[in-house]
């Protein structure tokens, strides 16, 4: 239960910091959608600047885990000559929560690196992503995640 409280506090503080920045309010754009793969569920993205964004996912993953992650993304729109396409890479954290029989929990925490490509046709965005994740707790391991998804954006960026 302490883990849930800590996660809630950290997400609240992060949200307040992002929403209170004046530059962020001028360039704000938020989208929500779905992702299919490992994990499969809801996906969101918040643009901080034209090249930087935060993505987050709440989903189910193989092995009966509830998966939460957030990643700081760097977009490289000049790598692909087409203006609708952009490559991206990022780093963030991932938390997997699993309830075993009885009161024992099987939560896992790791550092997530992600890379992919997205196609933007406002207000829609489609993406393909792969993400190696380095498990740190309860033991170290390397896992690979990935998926394909789409989002709809509700707030337009001001230019």
N, C-alpha and C. Protein backbone atom coordinates (compact mmCIF):
# COMPACT_ATOMS: atom_id res chain seq x y z
N UNK A 1 0.82 -1.19 0.00
CA UNK A 1 0.00 0.00 0.00
C UNK A 1 0.87 1.26 0.00
N UNK A 2 2.05 1.19 0.66
CA UNK A 2 2.94 2.35 0.67
C UNK A 2 3.42 2.67 -0.73
N UNK A 3 3.61 1.65 -1.56
CA UNK A 3 4.05 1.86 -2.94
C UNK A 3 3.02 2.66 -3.72
N UNK A 4 1.75 2.36 -3.54
CA UNK A 4 0.68 3.10 -4.23
C UNK A 4 0.65 4.56 -3.77
N UNK A 5 0.82 4.81 -2.48
CA UNK A 5 0.84 6.18 -1.97
C UNK A 5 2.01 6.96 -2.55
N UNK A 6 3.19 6.33 -2.57
CA UNK A 6 4.38 6.98 -3.12
C UNK A 6 4.19 7.29 -4.59
N UNK A 7 3.67 6.35 -5.35
CA UNK A 7 3.42 6.56 -6.78
C UNK A 7 2.43 7.70 -7.00
N UNK A 8 1.36 7.75 -6.22
CA UNK A 8 0.37 8.82 -6.33
C UNK A 8 0.97 10.18 -6.02
N UNK A 9 1.78 10.26 -4.99
CA UNK A 9 2.43 11.53 -4.63
C UNK A 9 3.37 11.99 -5.73
N UNK A 10 4.21 11.07 -6.26
CA UNK A 10 5.15 11.43 -7.31
C UNK A 10 4.44 11.89 -8.58
N UNK A 11 3.38 11.20 -8.98
CA UNK A 11 2.63 11.60 -10.17
C UNK A 11 1.94 12.95 -9.97
N UNK A 12 1.43 13.21 -8.78
CA UNK A 12 0.79 14.49 -8.50
C UNK A 12 1.79 15.63 -8.55
N UNK A 13 2.96 15.45 -7.92
CA UNK A 13 3.98 16.50 -7.94
C UNK A 13 4.45 16.75 -9.37
N UNK A 14 4.71 15.69 -10.12
CA UNK A 14 5.13 15.85 -11.51
C UNK A 14 4.09 16.57 -12.35
N UNK A 15 2.83 16.23 -12.16
CA UNK A 15 1.76 16.89 -12.90
C UNK A 15 1.65 18.36 -12.58
N UNK A 16 1.77 18.72 -11.32
CA UNK A 16 1.70 20.12 -10.92
C UNK A 16 2.86 20.90 -11.53
N UNK A 17 4.07 20.32 -11.49
CA UNK A 17 5.23 21.01 -12.07
C UNK A 17 5.07 21.23 -13.57
N UNK A 18 4.59 20.23 -14.28
CA UNK A 18 4.42 20.38 -15.73
C UNK A 18 3.34 21.39 -16.05
N UNK A 19 2.20 21.31 -15.39
CA UNK A 19 1.09 22.21 -15.70
C UNK A 19 1.34 23.64 -15.25
N UNK A 20 2.23 23.87 -14.26
CA UNK A 20 2.45 25.22 -13.77
C UNK A 20 3.47 26.00 -14.58
N UNK A 21 4.24 25.36 -15.43
CA UNK A 21 5.25 26.05 -16.23
C UNK A 21 4.58 26.88 -17.32
N UNK A 22 4.86 28.19 -17.37
CA UNK A 22 4.19 29.10 -18.32
C UNK A 22 4.50 28.71 -19.76
N UNK A 23 5.74 28.31 -20.06
CA UNK A 23 6.08 27.92 -21.42
C UNK A 23 5.31 26.68 -21.84
N UNK A 24 5.11 25.77 -20.90
CA UNK A 24 4.37 24.55 -21.19
C UNK A 24 2.92 24.88 -21.53
N UNK A 25 2.31 25.83 -20.83
CA UNK A 25 0.92 26.17 -21.08
C UNK A 25 0.74 26.76 -22.48
N UNK A 26 1.75 27.48 -22.98
CA UNK A 26 1.65 28.04 -24.32
C UNK A 26 1.75 26.97 -25.40
N UNK A 27 2.52 25.92 -25.16
CA UNK A 27 2.76 24.89 -26.17
C UNK A 27 2.06 23.58 -25.84
N UNK A 28 1.08 23.61 -25.01
CA UNK A 28 0.44 22.40 -24.48
C UNK A 28 -0.33 21.64 -25.56
N UNK A 29 -0.18 20.32 -25.55
CA UNK A 29 -0.96 19.43 -26.39
C UNK A 29 -1.01 18.08 -25.72
N UNK A 30 -2.20 17.56 -25.53
CA UNK A 30 -2.40 16.31 -24.81
C UNK A 30 -3.21 15.34 -25.67
N UNK A 31 -2.75 14.09 -25.76
CA UNK A 31 -3.47 13.07 -26.52
C UNK A 31 -3.62 11.81 -25.72
N UNK A 32 -4.67 11.08 -26.01
CA UNK A 32 -4.92 9.80 -25.35
C UNK A 32 -5.39 8.80 -26.39
N UNK A 33 -5.02 7.54 -26.18
CA UNK A 33 -5.40 6.52 -27.14
C UNK A 33 -5.12 5.13 -26.60
N UNK A 34 -4.82 4.22 -27.52
CA UNK A 34 -4.59 2.83 -27.14
C UNK A 34 -3.24 2.36 -27.69
N UNK A 35 -2.72 1.33 -27.05
CA UNK A 35 -1.52 0.65 -27.51
C UNK A 35 -1.79 -0.85 -27.45
N UNK A 36 -1.34 -1.58 -28.47
CA UNK A 36 -1.52 -3.04 -28.52
C UNK A 36 -0.15 -3.68 -28.66
N UNK A 37 0.08 -4.69 -27.88
CA UNK A 37 1.36 -5.40 -27.88
C UNK A 37 1.62 -5.88 -26.47
N UNK A 38 2.82 -5.67 -26.00
CA UNK A 38 3.16 -5.97 -24.62
C UNK A 38 3.78 -4.73 -24.02
N UNK A 39 2.96 -3.87 -23.40
CA UNK A 39 1.62 -4.03 -22.86
C UNK A 39 0.50 -3.63 -23.82
N UNK A 40 -0.73 -3.94 -23.42
CA UNK A 40 -1.93 -3.55 -24.18
C UNK A 40 -2.85 -2.78 -23.25
N UNK A 41 -3.21 -1.55 -23.66
CA UNK A 41 -4.08 -0.74 -22.82
C UNK A 41 -4.17 0.69 -23.28
N UNK A 42 -4.27 1.62 -22.33
CA UNK A 42 -4.41 3.05 -22.62
C UNK A 42 -3.04 3.72 -22.66
N UNK A 43 -2.89 4.64 -23.60
CA UNK A 43 -1.64 5.37 -23.77
C UNK A 43 -1.94 6.85 -23.89
N UNK A 44 -1.07 7.67 -23.33
CA UNK A 44 -1.22 9.11 -23.41
C UNK A 44 0.09 9.78 -23.75
N UNK A 45 0.01 11.01 -24.24
CA UNK A 45 1.21 11.77 -24.58
C UNK A 45 0.95 13.23 -24.31
N UNK A 46 1.94 13.88 -23.72
CA UNK A 46 1.86 15.30 -23.40
C UNK A 46 3.08 15.98 -24.01
N UNK A 47 2.86 16.89 -24.97
CA UNK A 47 3.96 17.62 -25.61
C UNK A 47 4.40 18.74 -24.69
N UNK A 48 5.70 18.78 -24.40
CA UNK A 48 6.28 19.85 -23.59
C UNK A 48 6.78 20.96 -24.52
N UNK A 49 7.50 20.59 -25.58
CA UNK A 49 7.96 21.51 -26.62
C UNK A 49 7.70 20.83 -27.96
N UNK A 50 8.15 21.43 -29.05
CA UNK A 50 7.98 20.81 -30.37
C UNK A 50 8.77 19.52 -30.52
N UNK A 51 9.83 19.33 -29.75
CA UNK A 51 10.68 18.15 -29.88
C UNK A 51 10.67 17.23 -28.66
N UNK A 52 10.05 17.63 -27.56
CA UNK A 52 10.09 16.87 -26.31
C UNK A 52 8.67 16.58 -25.83
N UNK A 53 8.47 15.36 -25.32
CA UNK A 53 7.15 14.98 -24.84
C UNK A 53 7.28 13.96 -23.71
N UNK A 54 6.21 13.81 -22.95
CA UNK A 54 6.09 12.75 -21.95
C UNK A 54 5.03 11.79 -22.43
N UNK A 55 5.34 10.50 -22.41
CA UNK A 55 4.28 9.53 -22.69
C UNK A 55 4.07 8.69 -21.45
N UNK A 56 2.88 8.13 -21.33
CA UNK A 56 2.55 7.31 -20.19
C UNK A 56 1.54 6.26 -20.63
N UNK A 57 1.59 5.13 -19.93
CA UNK A 57 0.70 4.02 -20.27
C UNK A 57 0.22 3.35 -19.00
N UNK A 58 -1.03 2.97 -19.00
CA UNK A 58 -1.63 2.12 -17.97
C UNK A 58 -2.26 0.96 -18.71
N UNK A 59 -1.73 -0.26 -18.50
CA UNK A 59 -2.14 -1.38 -19.36
C UNK A 59 -1.91 -2.71 -18.66
N UNK A 60 -2.40 -3.76 -19.31
CA UNK A 60 -2.13 -5.14 -18.87
C UNK A 60 -1.04 -5.70 -19.76
N UNK A 61 -0.20 -6.53 -19.17
CA UNK A 61 0.91 -7.13 -19.89
C UNK A 61 0.91 -8.64 -19.70
N UNK A 62 1.68 -9.34 -20.50
CA UNK A 62 1.78 -10.79 -20.37
C UNK A 62 2.27 -11.15 -18.97
N UNK A 63 1.78 -12.23 -18.41
CA UNK A 63 2.17 -12.63 -17.07
C UNK A 63 1.26 -12.09 -15.99
N UNK A 64 0.08 -11.56 -16.38
CA UNK A 64 -0.92 -11.08 -15.44
C UNK A 64 -0.42 -9.93 -14.57
N UNK A 65 0.23 -8.96 -15.19
CA UNK A 65 0.70 -7.76 -14.49
C UNK A 65 -0.10 -6.55 -14.97
N UNK A 66 -0.32 -5.61 -14.05
CA UNK A 66 -0.79 -4.29 -14.46
C UNK A 66 0.45 -3.44 -14.63
N UNK A 67 0.58 -2.81 -15.77
CA UNK A 67 1.80 -2.13 -16.21
C UNK A 67 1.58 -0.62 -16.20
N UNK A 68 2.48 0.12 -15.56
CA UNK A 68 2.48 1.58 -15.59
C UNK A 68 3.86 2.04 -16.03
N UNK A 69 3.91 2.93 -16.99
CA UNK A 69 5.21 3.52 -17.34
C UNK A 69 5.03 4.96 -17.77
N UNK A 70 6.13 5.69 -17.65
CA UNK A 70 6.20 7.05 -18.16
C UNK A 70 7.59 7.23 -18.73
N UNK A 71 7.67 7.89 -19.89
CA UNK A 71 8.93 8.03 -20.60
C UNK A 71 9.07 9.47 -21.10
N UNK A 72 10.25 10.03 -20.91
CA UNK A 72 10.57 11.34 -21.48
C UNK A 72 11.11 11.10 -22.88
N UNK A 73 10.44 11.66 -23.90
CA UNK A 73 10.77 11.38 -25.29
C UNK A 73 11.45 12.56 -25.98
N UNK A 74 12.47 12.25 -26.77
CA UNK A 74 13.14 13.21 -27.64
C UNK A 74 12.77 12.86 -29.07
N UNK A 75 12.17 13.78 -29.81
CA UNK A 75 11.76 13.53 -31.20
C UNK A 75 12.80 14.09 -32.17
N UNK A 76 13.11 13.30 -33.18
CA UNK A 76 14.10 13.68 -34.20
C UNK A 76 13.37 13.82 -35.53
N UNK A 77 12.63 14.90 -35.69
CA UNK A 77 11.78 15.08 -36.87
C UNK A 77 12.59 15.32 -38.14
N UNK A 78 13.82 15.74 -38.02
CA UNK A 78 14.63 16.02 -39.22
C UNK A 78 15.29 14.77 -39.80
N UNK A 79 15.25 13.66 -39.08
CA UNK A 79 15.85 12.42 -39.60
C UNK A 79 15.09 11.86 -40.80
N UNK A 80 13.79 12.11 -40.84
CA UNK A 80 12.94 11.61 -41.92
C UNK A 80 12.45 12.82 -42.70
N UNK A 81 12.66 12.84 -44.03
CA UNK A 81 12.32 14.04 -44.81
C UNK A 81 10.82 14.36 -44.88
N UNK A 82 9.97 13.43 -44.58
CA UNK A 82 8.52 13.68 -44.62
C UNK A 82 8.09 14.37 -43.34
N UNK A 83 7.35 15.50 -43.40
CA UNK A 83 7.02 16.25 -42.19
C UNK A 83 6.08 15.53 -41.22
N UNK A 84 5.31 14.57 -41.70
CA UNK A 84 4.37 13.87 -40.83
C UNK A 84 5.04 12.79 -39.98
N UNK A 85 6.25 12.37 -40.36
CA UNK A 85 6.95 11.28 -39.70
C UNK A 85 8.04 11.81 -38.78
N UNK A 86 8.25 11.13 -37.66
CA UNK A 86 9.34 11.49 -36.75
C UNK A 86 9.83 10.25 -36.01
N UNK A 87 11.14 10.14 -35.89
CA UNK A 87 11.73 9.10 -35.05
C UNK A 87 11.85 9.67 -33.64
N UNK A 88 11.84 8.79 -32.65
CA UNK A 88 12.00 9.26 -31.28
C UNK A 88 12.72 8.24 -30.43
N UNK A 89 13.28 8.71 -29.32
CA UNK A 89 13.93 7.87 -28.33
C UNK A 89 13.67 8.49 -26.97
N UNK A 90 13.69 7.66 -25.94
CA UNK A 90 13.42 8.20 -24.62
C UNK A 90 13.87 7.30 -23.50
N UNK A 91 13.77 7.83 -22.30
CA UNK A 91 14.11 7.09 -21.08
C UNK A 91 13.06 7.39 -20.02
N UNK A 92 12.76 6.38 -19.21
CA UNK A 92 11.77 6.56 -18.17
C UNK A 92 11.74 5.40 -17.20
N UNK A 93 10.66 5.29 -16.48
CA UNK A 93 10.50 4.23 -15.50
C UNK A 93 9.29 3.38 -15.78
N UNK A 94 9.34 2.13 -15.28
CA UNK A 94 8.23 1.21 -15.48
C UNK A 94 7.96 0.46 -14.19
N UNK A 95 6.70 0.31 -13.86
CA UNK A 95 6.26 -0.41 -12.67
C UNK A 95 5.25 -1.46 -13.10
N UNK A 96 5.49 -2.71 -12.70
CA UNK A 96 4.53 -3.79 -12.95
C UNK A 96 3.98 -4.24 -11.60
N UNK A 97 2.67 -4.33 -11.51
CA UNK A 97 2.01 -4.73 -10.27
C UNK A 97 1.26 -6.03 -10.49
N UNK A 98 1.51 -7.01 -9.62
CA UNK A 98 0.81 -8.29 -9.74
C UNK A 98 0.38 -8.75 -8.36
N UNK A 99 -0.82 -9.27 -8.29
CA UNK A 99 -1.36 -9.80 -7.05
C UNK A 99 -1.27 -11.32 -7.12
N UNK A 100 -0.52 -11.89 -6.22
CA UNK A 100 -0.42 -13.35 -6.15
C UNK A 100 -1.46 -13.87 -5.17
N UNK A 101 -1.54 -15.18 -5.02
CA UNK A 101 -2.50 -15.75 -4.08
C UNK A 101 -2.16 -15.30 -2.66
N UNK A 102 -3.17 -15.05 -1.87
CA UNK A 102 -2.97 -14.56 -0.51
C UNK A 102 -2.70 -13.06 -0.51
N UNK A 103 -1.83 -12.63 0.39
CA UNK A 103 -1.53 -11.20 0.50
C UNK A 103 -0.18 -10.85 -0.09
N UNK A 104 0.51 -11.79 -0.67
CA UNK A 104 1.83 -11.55 -1.26
C UNK A 104 1.70 -10.77 -2.56
N UNK A 105 2.55 -9.78 -2.76
CA UNK A 105 2.54 -9.03 -4.02
C UNK A 105 3.81 -9.33 -4.80
N UNK A 106 3.74 -9.22 -6.09
CA UNK A 106 4.88 -9.48 -6.96
C UNK A 106 5.18 -8.28 -7.83
N UNK A 107 5.38 -7.12 -7.25
CA UNK A 107 5.64 -5.90 -8.01
C UNK A 107 7.07 -5.89 -8.53
N UNK A 108 7.26 -5.24 -9.68
CA UNK A 108 8.57 -5.14 -10.32
C UNK A 108 8.79 -3.72 -10.80
N UNK A 109 10.04 -3.23 -10.68
CA UNK A 109 10.38 -1.88 -11.09
C UNK A 109 11.59 -1.94 -12.01
N UNK A 110 11.58 -1.07 -13.05
CA UNK A 110 12.72 -1.05 -13.97
C UNK A 110 12.88 0.29 -14.67
N UNK A 111 14.02 0.44 -15.32
CA UNK A 111 14.32 1.60 -16.15
C UNK A 111 14.01 1.22 -17.58
N UNK A 112 13.28 2.07 -18.27
CA UNK A 112 12.77 1.78 -19.61
C UNK A 112 13.41 2.72 -20.63
N UNK A 113 14.01 2.14 -21.66
CA UNK A 113 14.51 2.88 -22.81
C UNK A 113 13.54 2.61 -23.94
N UNK A 114 13.16 3.62 -24.69
CA UNK A 114 12.23 3.37 -25.79
C UNK A 114 12.70 4.05 -27.05
N UNK A 115 12.31 3.49 -28.16
CA UNK A 115 12.60 4.07 -29.45
C UNK A 115 11.50 3.68 -30.42
N UNK A 116 11.24 4.56 -31.36
CA UNK A 116 10.18 4.24 -32.30
C UNK A 116 10.03 5.31 -33.36
N UNK A 117 8.90 5.20 -34.02
CA UNK A 117 8.57 6.13 -35.10
C UNK A 117 7.10 6.48 -34.95
N UNK A 118 6.76 7.74 -35.22
CA UNK A 118 5.35 8.09 -35.20
C UNK A 118 4.96 8.87 -36.45
N UNK A 119 3.68 8.74 -36.77
CA UNK A 119 3.08 9.42 -37.91
C UNK A 119 2.00 10.33 -37.36
N UNK A 120 2.10 11.62 -37.66
CA UNK A 120 1.16 12.60 -37.13
C UNK A 120 0.31 13.20 -38.24
N UNK A 121 -0.99 13.12 -38.06
CA UNK A 121 -1.96 13.77 -38.94
C UNK A 121 -2.99 14.40 -38.02
N UNK A 122 -2.69 15.66 -37.55
CA UNK A 122 -3.51 16.26 -36.49
C UNK A 122 -5.01 16.19 -36.79
N UNK A 123 -5.77 15.81 -35.77
CA UNK A 123 -5.42 15.59 -34.37
C UNK A 123 -5.03 14.15 -34.05
N UNK A 124 -4.67 13.33 -35.02
CA UNK A 124 -4.35 11.92 -34.80
C UNK A 124 -2.85 11.67 -34.87
N UNK A 125 -2.43 10.62 -34.16
CA UNK A 125 -1.04 10.18 -34.21
C UNK A 125 -1.03 8.66 -34.10
N UNK A 126 -0.21 8.02 -34.92
CA UNK A 126 0.01 6.57 -34.84
C UNK A 126 1.48 6.35 -34.55
N UNK A 127 1.80 5.26 -33.83
CA UNK A 127 3.18 5.02 -33.47
C UNK A 127 3.50 3.53 -33.40
N UNK A 128 4.78 3.24 -33.58
CA UNK A 128 5.34 1.89 -33.44
C UNK A 128 6.55 2.03 -32.54
N UNK A 129 6.63 1.20 -31.49
CA UNK A 129 7.67 1.40 -30.48
C UNK A 129 8.24 0.08 -30.00
N UNK A 130 9.53 0.08 -29.68
CA UNK A 130 10.18 -1.03 -28.99
C UNK A 130 10.91 -0.45 -27.79
N UNK A 131 10.90 -1.20 -26.66
CA UNK A 131 11.45 -0.65 -25.43
C UNK A 131 12.15 -1.72 -24.61
N UNK A 132 13.48 -1.77 -24.65
CA UNK A 132 14.19 -2.64 -23.71
C UNK A 132 14.06 -2.06 -22.30
N UNK A 133 13.80 -2.91 -21.33
CA UNK A 133 13.61 -2.48 -19.95
C UNK A 133 14.56 -3.25 -19.04
N UNK A 134 15.28 -2.52 -18.22
CA UNK A 134 16.21 -3.12 -17.28
C UNK A 134 15.53 -3.21 -15.92
N UNK A 135 15.14 -4.44 -15.55
CA UNK A 135 14.51 -4.66 -14.25
C UNK A 135 15.53 -4.40 -13.14
N UNK A 136 15.15 -3.65 -12.13
CA UNK A 136 16.04 -3.36 -11.00
C UNK A 136 15.58 -4.03 -9.71
N UNK A 137 14.28 -4.23 -9.56
CA UNK A 137 13.76 -4.83 -8.34
C UNK A 137 12.54 -5.68 -8.68
N UNK A 138 12.35 -6.81 -8.10
CA UNK A 138 13.09 -7.37 -6.98
C UNK A 138 14.43 -8.02 -7.37
N UNK A 139 14.65 -8.24 -8.64
CA UNK A 139 15.94 -8.75 -9.10
C UNK A 139 16.24 -8.14 -10.47
N UNK A 140 17.48 -8.20 -10.90
CA UNK A 140 17.85 -7.59 -12.18
C UNK A 140 17.58 -8.55 -13.32
N UNK A 141 17.11 -7.97 -14.42
CA UNK A 141 16.83 -8.75 -15.63
C UNK A 141 16.65 -7.77 -16.78
N UNK A 142 16.69 -8.28 -18.00
CA UNK A 142 16.45 -7.49 -19.20
C UNK A 142 15.20 -8.02 -19.88
N UNK A 143 14.25 -7.14 -20.17
CA UNK A 143 13.02 -7.50 -20.87
C UNK A 143 12.84 -6.59 -22.07
N UNK A 144 12.08 -7.06 -23.06
CA UNK A 144 11.75 -6.24 -24.22
C UNK A 144 10.25 -6.08 -24.30
N UNK A 145 9.80 -4.84 -24.51
CA UNK A 145 8.39 -4.53 -24.67
C UNK A 145 8.23 -3.79 -25.99
N UNK A 146 7.03 -3.70 -26.44
CA UNK A 146 6.78 -2.95 -27.66
C UNK A 146 5.33 -3.02 -28.05
N UNK A 147 4.98 -2.17 -29.00
CA UNK A 147 3.61 -2.17 -29.44
C UNK A 147 3.36 -1.17 -30.54
N UNK A 148 2.16 -1.20 -31.02
CA UNK A 148 1.68 -0.27 -32.02
C UNK A 148 0.44 0.40 -31.43
N UNK A 149 0.28 1.69 -31.70
CA UNK A 149 -0.83 2.38 -31.09
C UNK A 149 -1.25 3.63 -31.85
N UNK A 150 -2.28 4.28 -31.32
CA UNK A 150 -2.81 5.50 -31.92
C UNK A 150 -3.37 6.38 -30.80
N UNK A 151 -3.28 7.69 -31.03
CA UNK A 151 -3.80 8.65 -30.06
C UNK A 151 -4.58 9.75 -30.78
N UNK A 152 -5.50 10.36 -30.05
CA UNK A 152 -6.24 11.54 -30.50
C UNK A 152 -5.85 12.67 -29.57
N UNK A 153 -5.49 13.83 -30.13
CA UNK A 153 -5.06 14.97 -29.34
C UNK A 153 -6.21 15.93 -29.14
N UNK A 154 -6.35 16.43 -27.92
CA UNK A 154 -7.48 17.28 -27.55
C UNK A 154 -7.16 18.75 -27.50
N UNK A 155 -5.90 19.10 -27.30
CA UNK A 155 -5.50 20.51 -27.22
C UNK A 155 -4.45 20.77 -28.29
N UNK A 156 -4.62 21.80 -29.09
CA UNK A 156 -3.67 22.11 -30.15
C UNK A 156 -2.52 22.95 -29.64
N UNK A 157 -1.35 22.70 -30.22
CA UNK A 157 -0.18 23.53 -29.90
C UNK A 157 -0.35 24.88 -30.54
N UNK A 158 0.05 25.96 -29.85
CA UNK A 158 0.08 27.29 -30.43
C UNK A 158 1.41 27.49 -31.11
N UNK A 159 1.40 28.11 -32.28
CA UNK A 159 2.66 28.36 -32.98
C UNK A 159 2.87 29.83 -33.16
